[in-house]
């Protein structure tokens, strides 16, 4: 079986959920004997430096509006490139490109949806004006009509769609006219056998002092301001704890300013954009991970932290309750409550027995529910179903 995978964010030289999920799936598809070629837009490294068991063709895209530029720059090129594949698997909302591929090649197309534009738009509109940045305004407000159209077109033109959580499935079915029998839920997961993700037995911290880690794009919907403010309360009670912030984004400068205003320059480390290997190592060397997001569809970084037996603290939103069971494999704080979030962090810093109990349960949960070596078989099953339906 030959599958052409399209993902403009790939390959994941910097940490990112969509590219990470795509690379893990492709690697496991290769292990299952599926012949894969990835077509992507990331120009950060030449293709010959990618030492994987599958082919990668870098088509490129512009930094400004990378997805749109990828679609329109390669609209006529991609159909001929995927002509030899049995089917096409698209990561993201590529709407018109999917339509063009089907008309030109007659191939079956499976799409993966990793974000829902309306949810992002809704959360942005509910945020305080003081936290609006030009980057957020452009991506979450100005681009919303285009993102909505691409999403709708993607769902309508795909032969089947996969979403990474039940919450995302519910929102997709409620907001877009797609039949329920054309959607499946397969969660993102962990590639436990990957070189960057060592076994649990080798997961030992080199850091002597306790530290908390955040990993994600610095935008309003990721809740980064709530975390920094909660940490400022925590820092007054615990002298030797630090906060590591991995990632960058439209709110990067704002976060840096907030850290300075709160007098946390010596306690907060802004690590910026790092490789996936570096992010995993920072999580491994931390006490626990905080995921203060207002919404997620399938947070890979949270699963990876749990796979390292690290508890995760999140706000008590529906997306989080799918994989975090309060006081069983993690902790849930009251939504957007800075003081309660601070109290939950204090609990994990002062009670090692709780950390060990939650971490052990977290590892067991993701091992059972988010192991790519198991979940990849669900994708292969869908591939076979689509190919059989074509006959």
Protein backbone atom coordinates (compact mmCIF):
# COMPACT_ATOMS: atom_id res chain seq x y z
CA UNK A 1 0.00 0.00 0.00
CA UNK A 2 1.34 3.42 -0.99
CA UNK A 3 0.19 6.55 0.82
CA UNK A 4 0.99 10.17 -0.02
CA UNK A 5 0.95 12.34 3.11
CA UNK A 6 0.58 16.11 2.81
CA UNK A 7 1.55 18.27 5.81
CA UNK A 8 2.91 21.77 5.26
CA UNK A 9 4.38 21.97 8.82
CA UNK A 10 6.46 18.84 8.37
CA UNK A 11 9.23 18.01 9.26
CA UNK A 12 9.18 18.96 12.97
CA UNK A 13 12.57 20.57 13.44
CA UNK A 14 10.95 22.85 16.01
CA UNK A 15 8.46 21.44 18.48
CA UNK A 16 4.89 21.56 17.19
CA UNK A 17 1.84 19.35 17.76
CA UNK A 18 0.67 18.82 14.16
CA UNK A 19 4.11 18.10 12.72
CA UNK A 20 4.96 15.85 15.67
CA UNK A 21 1.75 13.85 15.32
CA UNK A 22 2.32 13.52 11.58
CA UNK A 23 5.92 12.35 11.92
CA UNK A 24 5.00 9.80 14.60
CA UNK A 25 2.18 8.40 12.50
CA UNK A 26 4.30 8.20 9.34
CA UNK A 27 7.14 6.47 11.18
CA UNK A 28 4.72 3.87 12.55
CA UNK A 29 3.01 3.42 9.19
CA UNK A 30 6.44 2.59 7.77
CA UNK A 31 6.88 0.01 10.55
CA UNK A 32 3.55 -1.51 9.48
CA UNK A 33 4.84 -1.98 5.95
CA UNK A 34 3.00 0.98 4.41
CA UNK A 35 5.03 2.77 1.74
CA UNK A 36 4.85 6.49 2.54
CA UNK A 37 6.01 9.69 0.89
CA UNK A 38 5.54 13.02 2.67
CA UNK A 39 4.99 16.27 0.76
CA UNK A 40 5.63 19.28 2.97
CA UNK A 41 6.36 23.00 3.03
CA UNK A 42 9.07 23.29 5.66
CA UNK A 43 12.34 24.57 4.14
CA UNK A 44 14.36 24.53 7.38
CA UNK A 45 16.55 21.63 6.32
CA UNK A 46 17.37 19.91 3.02
CA UNK A 47 15.61 16.62 2.33
CA UNK A 48 18.85 14.67 2.17
CA UNK A 49 19.39 15.31 5.89
CA UNK A 50 16.22 13.45 6.85
CA UNK A 51 17.30 9.96 7.88
CA UNK A 52 13.93 8.21 7.88
CA UNK A 53 12.55 5.07 6.28
CA UNK A 54 10.24 7.07 4.04
CA UNK A 55 10.62 9.70 1.34
CA UNK A 56 10.19 13.41 2.04
CA UNK A 57 9.64 15.94 -0.73
CA UNK A 58 9.95 19.55 0.39
CA UNK A 59 7.86 21.84 -1.80
CA UNK A 60 8.19 24.97 0.32
CA UNK A 61 5.89 27.75 1.47
CA UNK A 62 6.20 31.40 2.48
CA UNK A 63 6.55 32.46 6.12
CA UNK A 64 3.60 34.80 5.62
CA UNK A 65 0.41 32.69 5.40
CA UNK A 66 2.36 29.42 5.01
CA UNK A 67 -0.69 27.18 4.55
CA UNK A 68 -2.31 29.37 1.88
CA UNK A 69 0.97 29.84 0.03
CA UNK A 70 1.57 26.08 0.16
CA UNK A 71 -1.89 25.42 -1.33
CA UNK A 72 -1.76 27.92 -4.18
CA UNK A 73 1.94 27.51 -5.03
CA UNK A 74 1.52 23.76 -5.40
CA UNK A 75 -2.08 23.46 -6.59
CA UNK A 76 -1.14 22.18 -10.05
CA UNK A 77 2.03 20.38 -8.99
CA UNK A 78 0.80 18.07 -6.21
CA UNK A 79 -1.79 16.03 -8.20
CA UNK A 80 0.94 14.73 -10.51
CA UNK A 81 3.27 14.06 -7.57
CA UNK A 82 0.72 11.88 -5.77
CA UNK A 83 -0.41 10.06 -8.93
CA UNK A 84 1.46 6.85 -8.04
CA UNK A 85 -0.01 6.62 -4.51
CA UNK A 86 -3.00 4.44 -3.68
CA UNK A 87 -4.54 7.17 -1.55
CA UNK A 88 -3.78 10.61 -0.12
CA UNK A 89 -3.67 11.53 3.58
CA UNK A 90 -3.84 15.25 4.35
CA UNK A 91 -2.86 16.76 7.71
CA UNK A 92 -4.77 20.02 8.13
CA UNK A 93 -7.41 22.05 6.29
CA UNK A 94 -6.40 22.20 2.64
CA UNK A 95 -9.90 22.49 1.13
CA UNK A 96 -9.32 23.51 -2.49
CA UNK A 97 -6.20 21.37 -2.79
CA UNK A 98 -8.16 18.27 -1.79
CA UNK A 99 -10.83 19.08 -4.36
CA UNK A 100 -8.16 19.54 -7.04
CA UNK A 101 -6.42 16.26 -6.17
CA UNK A 102 -9.67 14.31 -6.40
CA UNK A 103 -10.69 15.87 -9.71
CA UNK A 104 -7.26 15.35 -11.29
CA UNK A 105 -6.42 11.89 -9.91
CA UNK A 106 -9.61 10.26 -8.61
CA UNK A 107 -7.73 9.26 -5.44
CA UNK A 108 -9.45 8.64 -2.12
CA UNK A 109 -8.50 11.34 0.42
CA UNK A 110 -8.34 11.02 4.20
CA UNK A 111 -7.96 14.24 6.21
CA UNK A 112 -6.80 14.86 9.77
CA UNK A 113 -8.31 17.87 11.55
CA UNK A 114 -6.20 19.33 14.36
CA UNK A 115 -7.89 22.66 15.02
CA UNK A 116 -11.39 24.07 14.75
CA UNK A 117 -11.34 27.70 13.53
CA UNK A 118 -14.58 28.76 15.23
CA UNK A 119 -13.39 27.61 18.67
CA UNK A 120 -10.15 29.57 18.30
CA UNK A 121 -12.06 32.62 17.05
CA UNK A 122 -14.57 32.39 19.91
CA UNK A 123 -11.86 32.19 22.58
CA UNK A 124 -9.94 35.07 21.02
CA UNK A 125 -13.03 37.29 20.98
CA UNK A 126 -13.61 36.56 24.68
CA UNK A 127 -10.06 37.58 25.63
CA UNK A 128 -9.35 41.00 27.19
CA UNK A 129 -8.28 43.70 24.74
CA UNK A 130 -5.11 44.30 26.76
CA UNK A 131 -3.86 40.86 25.68
CA UNK A 132 -4.56 41.27 21.96
CA UNK A 133 -1.43 41.25 19.83
CA UNK A 134 -1.03 41.98 16.13
CA UNK A 135 -0.11 38.35 15.48
CA UNK A 136 -3.12 36.99 17.36
CA UNK A 137 -5.38 39.53 15.67
CA UNK A 138 -4.16 38.43 12.23
CA UNK A 139 -4.27 34.66 12.82
CA UNK A 140 -7.36 34.34 15.01
CA UNK A 141 -9.58 37.15 13.68
CA UNK A 142 -8.58 38.27 10.18
CA UNK A 143 -7.79 34.74 8.96
CA UNK A 144 -10.93 33.24 10.50
CA UNK A 145 -13.17 33.52 7.39
CA UNK A 146 -10.53 31.84 5.21
CA UNK A 147 -9.81 29.16 7.84
CA UNK A 148 -13.54 28.45 8.18
CA UNK A 149 -13.97 28.08 4.41
CA UNK A 150 -10.94 25.78 4.14
CA UNK A 151 -12.18 23.66 7.02
CA UNK A 152 -15.68 23.34 5.55
CA UNK A 153 -14.28 22.48 2.11
CA UNK A 154 -11.88 19.93 3.64
CA UNK A 155 -14.67 18.12 5.46
CA UNK A 156 -16.98 18.17 2.43
CA UNK A 157 -14.40 16.93 -0.07
CA UNK A 158 -12.61 14.33 2.08
CA UNK A 159 -13.76 10.72 1.85
CA UNK A 160 -13.12 10.34 5.57
CA UNK A 161 -11.90 12.60 8.39
CA UNK A 162 -10.02 11.76 11.58
CA UNK A 163 -10.08 13.99 14.67
CA UNK A 164 -7.84 13.45 17.73
CA UNK A 165 -10.40 13.69 20.55
CA UNK A 166 -14.07 13.14 21.37
CA UNK A 167 -14.41 16.83 22.19
CA UNK A 168 -13.08 17.76 18.76
CA UNK A 169 -15.41 15.24 17.13
CA UNK A 170 -18.42 16.71 18.93
CA UNK A 171 -17.51 20.26 17.86
CA UNK A 172 -16.81 19.22 14.28
CA UNK A 173 -20.15 17.49 13.89
CA UNK A 174 -21.98 20.41 15.53
CA UNK A 175 -20.35 23.15 13.45
CA UNK A 176 -19.93 21.57 10.02
CA UNK A 177 -22.23 19.58 7.70
CA UNK A 178 -20.35 16.29 7.74
CA UNK A 179 -22.02 12.85 8.17
CA UNK A 180 -21.05 11.08 11.38
CA UNK A 181 -20.15 7.91 9.45
CA UNK A 182 -17.45 9.86 7.59
CA UNK A 183 -15.64 10.81 10.82
CA UNK A 184 -13.50 8.80 13.22
CA UNK A 185 -11.74 9.63 16.45
CA UNK A 186 -8.16 8.37 16.77
CA UNK A 187 -6.15 10.11 19.51
CA UNK A 188 -2.67 11.51 19.03
CA UNK A 189 -0.09 9.52 20.87
CA UNK A 190 3.45 8.71 21.82
CA UNK A 191 6.06 6.90 19.79
CA UNK A 192 7.59 5.07 22.74
CA UNK A 193 10.22 3.45 20.51
CA UNK A 194 11.48 6.73 19.01
CA UNK A 195 15.10 7.63 19.72
CA UNK A 196 14.15 10.95 21.32
CA UNK A 197 11.70 9.26 23.69
CA UNK A 198 13.80 7.04 25.90
CA UNK A 199 12.33 4.33 28.10
CA UNK A 200 10.86 5.28 31.44
CA UNK A 201 13.69 3.54 33.29
CA UNK A 202 16.22 6.03 31.87
CA UNK A 203 14.03 9.04 32.71
CA UNK A 204 16.15 10.59 35.42
CA UNK A 205 16.41 14.27 36.10
CA UNK A 206 19.77 16.03 36.05
CA UNK A 207 18.35 19.09 37.78
CA UNK A 208 18.64 19.44 41.54
CA UNK A 209 16.04 22.15 42.05
CA UNK A 210 12.34 21.69 41.27
CA UNK A 211 11.10 23.15 38.01
CA UNK A 212 7.80 23.48 36.17
CA UNK A 213 7.55 23.34 32.39
CA UNK A 214 5.18 24.78 29.79
CA UNK A 215 5.44 23.88 26.11
CA UNK A 216 3.33 25.50 23.43
CA UNK A 217 2.77 28.47 21.13
CA UNK A 218 2.59 31.72 23.07
CA UNK A 219 -0.96 32.78 22.24
CA UNK A 220 -4.00 33.71 24.27
CA UNK A 221 -5.75 30.38 23.77
CA UNK A 222 -2.76 28.56 25.30
CA UNK A 223 -3.39 30.36 28.61
CA UNK A 224 0.22 31.43 29.09
CA UNK A 225 -0.66 34.65 30.98
CA UNK A 226 -2.65 32.65 33.55
CA UNK A 227 0.37 30.44 34.15
CA UNK A 228 2.83 33.32 34.59
CA UNK A 229 0.50 35.08 37.05
CA UNK A 230 -0.11 31.84 38.96
CA UNK A 231 3.63 31.21 39.13
CA UNK A 232 4.18 34.70 40.58
CA UNK A 233 1.95 33.69 43.51
CA UNK A 234 3.76 30.38 43.85
CA UNK A 235 7.20 32.01 43.77
CA UNK A 236 6.34 33.92 46.96
CA UNK A 237 5.80 30.62 48.79
CA UNK A 238 8.51 28.43 47.26
CA UNK A 239 11.94 30.01 46.87
CA UNK A 240 13.81 27.47 44.77
CA UNK A 241 11.32 26.60 42.04
CA UNK A 242 11.68 27.81 38.44
CA UNK A 243 9.38 27.94 35.42
CA UNK A 244 10.59 26.91 31.95
CA UNK A 245 8.59 28.24 29.01
CA UNK A 246 9.20 26.43 25.72
CA UNK A 247 7.86 28.00 22.54
CA UNK A 248 7.23 31.40 21.00
CA UNK A 249 4.40 33.20 19.26
CA UNK A 250 2.44 36.46 18.99
CA UNK A 251 2.40 36.96 22.77
CA UNK A 252 6.12 36.32 23.21
CA UNK A 253 7.08 39.94 23.83
CA UNK A 254 4.07 40.45 26.09
CA UNK A 255 5.03 37.41 28.20
CA UNK A 256 8.61 38.61 28.47
CA UNK A 257 7.35 42.01 29.64
CA UNK A 258 4.95 40.41 32.13
CA UNK A 259 7.75 38.28 33.59
CA UNK A 260 9.82 41.43 34.09
CA UNK A 261 6.96 43.44 35.62
CA UNK A 262 6.26 40.65 38.13
CA UNK A 263 9.95 40.52 39.08
CA UNK A 264 10.41 36.94 37.85
CA UNK A 265 13.40 37.35 35.54
CA UNK A 266 15.58 35.12 37.71
CA UNK A 267 12.87 32.48 38.13
CA UNK A 268 11.41 32.15 34.63
CA UNK A 269 13.41 30.83 31.68
CA UNK A 270 12.09 31.71 28.24
CA UNK A 271 13.63 28.96 26.11
CA UNK A 272 11.95 29.95 22.85
CA UNK A 273 11.60 27.56 19.92
CA UNK A 274 13.51 24.31 20.49
CA UNK A 275 13.80 20.91 18.82
CA UNK A 276 11.51 18.09 19.83
CA UNK A 277 14.44 16.26 21.43
CA UNK A 278 15.26 19.33 23.52
CA UNK A 279 11.62 19.77 24.57
CA UNK A 280 11.38 16.13 25.68
CA UNK A 281 14.59 16.48 27.68
CA UNK A 282 13.31 19.62 29.42
CA UNK A 283 10.06 17.84 30.33
CA UNK A 284 12.03 14.84 31.57
CA UNK A 285 14.09 17.10 33.83
CA UNK A 286 11.08 18.95 35.23
CA UNK A 287 8.84 18.14 38.18
CA UNK A 288 5.61 18.35 36.15
CA UNK A 289 4.00 20.06 33.16
CA UNK A 290 1.29 22.73 33.22
CA UNK A 291 -1.15 22.91 30.29
CA UNK A 292 -3.17 26.10 31.00
CA UNK A 293 -4.90 26.09 27.59
CA UNK A 294 -8.46 27.29 27.11
CA UNK A 295 -8.87 24.72 24.34
CA UNK A 296 -6.93 21.87 22.74
CA UNK A 297 -7.87 19.14 20.29
CA UNK A 298 -5.21 16.51 21.05
CA UNK A 299 -2.25 17.94 23.02
CA UNK A 300 0.76 15.79 22.11
CA UNK A 301 2.98 17.50 24.69
CA UNK A 302 0.63 16.53 27.54
CA UNK A 303 0.65 12.88 26.48
CA UNK A 304 4.44 12.92 26.24
CA UNK A 305 4.77 14.38 29.72
CA UNK A 306 2.47 11.64 31.04
CA UNK A 307 4.54 9.08 29.14
CA UNK A 308 7.52 10.27 31.16
CA UNK A 309 5.50 9.71 34.36
CA UNK A 310 5.11 13.46 34.86
CA UNK A 311 1.76 14.69 36.21
CA UNK A 312 -0.03 17.34 34.15
CA UNK A 313 -2.03 20.23 35.59
CA UNK A 314 -4.71 21.72 33.35
CA UNK A 315 -7.82 23.85 33.69
CA UNK A 316 -11.05 21.91 34.11
CA UNK A 317 -12.31 22.30 30.54
CA UNK A 318 -14.05 19.48 28.59
CA UNK A 319 -11.00 18.77 26.40
CA UNK A 320 -8.82 18.20 29.48
CA UNK A 321 -11.22 15.86 31.25
CA UNK A 322 -10.87 13.39 28.39
CA UNK A 323 -7.38 12.41 29.50
CA UNK A 324 -6.85 13.95 32.94
CA UNK A 325 -8.82 12.43 35.80
CA UNK A 326 -8.53 14.76 38.76
CA UNK A 327 -6.37 13.41 41.59
CA UNK A 328 -5.95 10.11 39.72
CA UNK A 329 -3.48 10.79 36.90
CA UNK A 330 -3.19 14.59 37.09
CA UNK A 331 -4.78 17.69 38.58
CA UNK A 332 -7.52 19.99 37.27
CA UNK A 333 -7.74 23.63 38.37
CA UNK A 334 -10.82 25.83 38.20
CA UNK A 335 -11.04 27.37 34.70
CA UNK A 336 -8.94 30.54 34.38
CA UNK A 337 -8.52 30.70 38.19
CA UNK A 338 -4.97 31.91 38.80
CA UNK A 339 -5.03 31.27 42.54
CA UNK A 340 -6.37 27.73 42.22
CA UNK A 341 -3.79 26.97 39.52
CA UNK A 342 -1.08 28.22 41.86
CA UNK A 343 -2.43 26.04 44.68
CA UNK A 344 -2.39 22.96 42.44
CA UNK A 345 1.24 23.61 41.53
CA UNK A 346 2.08 24.04 45.23
CA UNK A 347 0.48 20.66 45.97
CA UNK A 348 2.76 18.88 43.52
CA UNK A 349 5.85 20.72 44.73
CA UNK A 350 5.27 19.85 48.38
CA UNK A 351 3.99 16.28 48.22
CA UNK A 352 6.32 13.83 46.47
CA UNK A 353 4.04 10.89 47.21
CA UNK A 354 1.22 12.55 45.24
CA UNK A 355 3.59 13.28 42.36
CA UNK A 356 4.73 9.64 42.21
CA UNK A 357 1.17 8.31 42.42
CA UNK A 358 -0.18 10.62 39.73
CA UNK A 359 2.86 10.10 37.52
CA UNK A 360 2.58 6.32 37.69
CA UNK A 361 -1.12 6.46 36.79
CA UNK A 362 -0.45 8.96 34.00
CA UNK A 363 2.10 6.62 32.43
CA UNK A 364 -0.26 3.65 32.63
CA UNK A 365 -3.06 5.68 31.02
CA UNK A 366 -1.10 6.88 27.98
CA UNK A 367 0.57 3.51 27.53
CA UNK A 368 -2.87 1.97 27.14
CA UNK A 369 -4.60 4.76 25.18
CA UNK A 370 -1.95 6.78 23.33
CA UNK A 371 0.63 4.29 22.05
CA UNK A 372 1.24 4.90 18.33
CA UNK A 373 2.23 1.28 17.74
CA UNK A 374 -1.38 0.39 18.63
CA UNK A 375 -3.27 3.38 17.23
CA UNK A 376 -1.52 3.23 13.84
CA UNK A 377 -3.44 0.04 13.10
CA UNK A 378 -6.68 2.06 13.22
CA UNK A 379 -5.36 4.24 10.39
CA UNK A 380 -4.39 1.21 8.33
CA UNK A 381 -7.92 -0.12 8.81
CA UNK A 382 -9.39 3.15 7.46
CA UNK A 383 -6.98 3.10 4.50
CA UNK A 384 -8.14 -0.39 3.58
CA UNK A 385 -11.79 0.63 3.97
CA UNK A 386 -11.33 3.60 1.62
CA UNK A 387 -9.52 1.51 -1.00
CA UNK A 388 -12.13 -1.23 -0.88
CA UNK A 389 -14.95 1.30 -1.26
CA UNK A 390 -13.29 2.55 -4.46
CA UNK A 391 -13.59 -0.82 -6.17
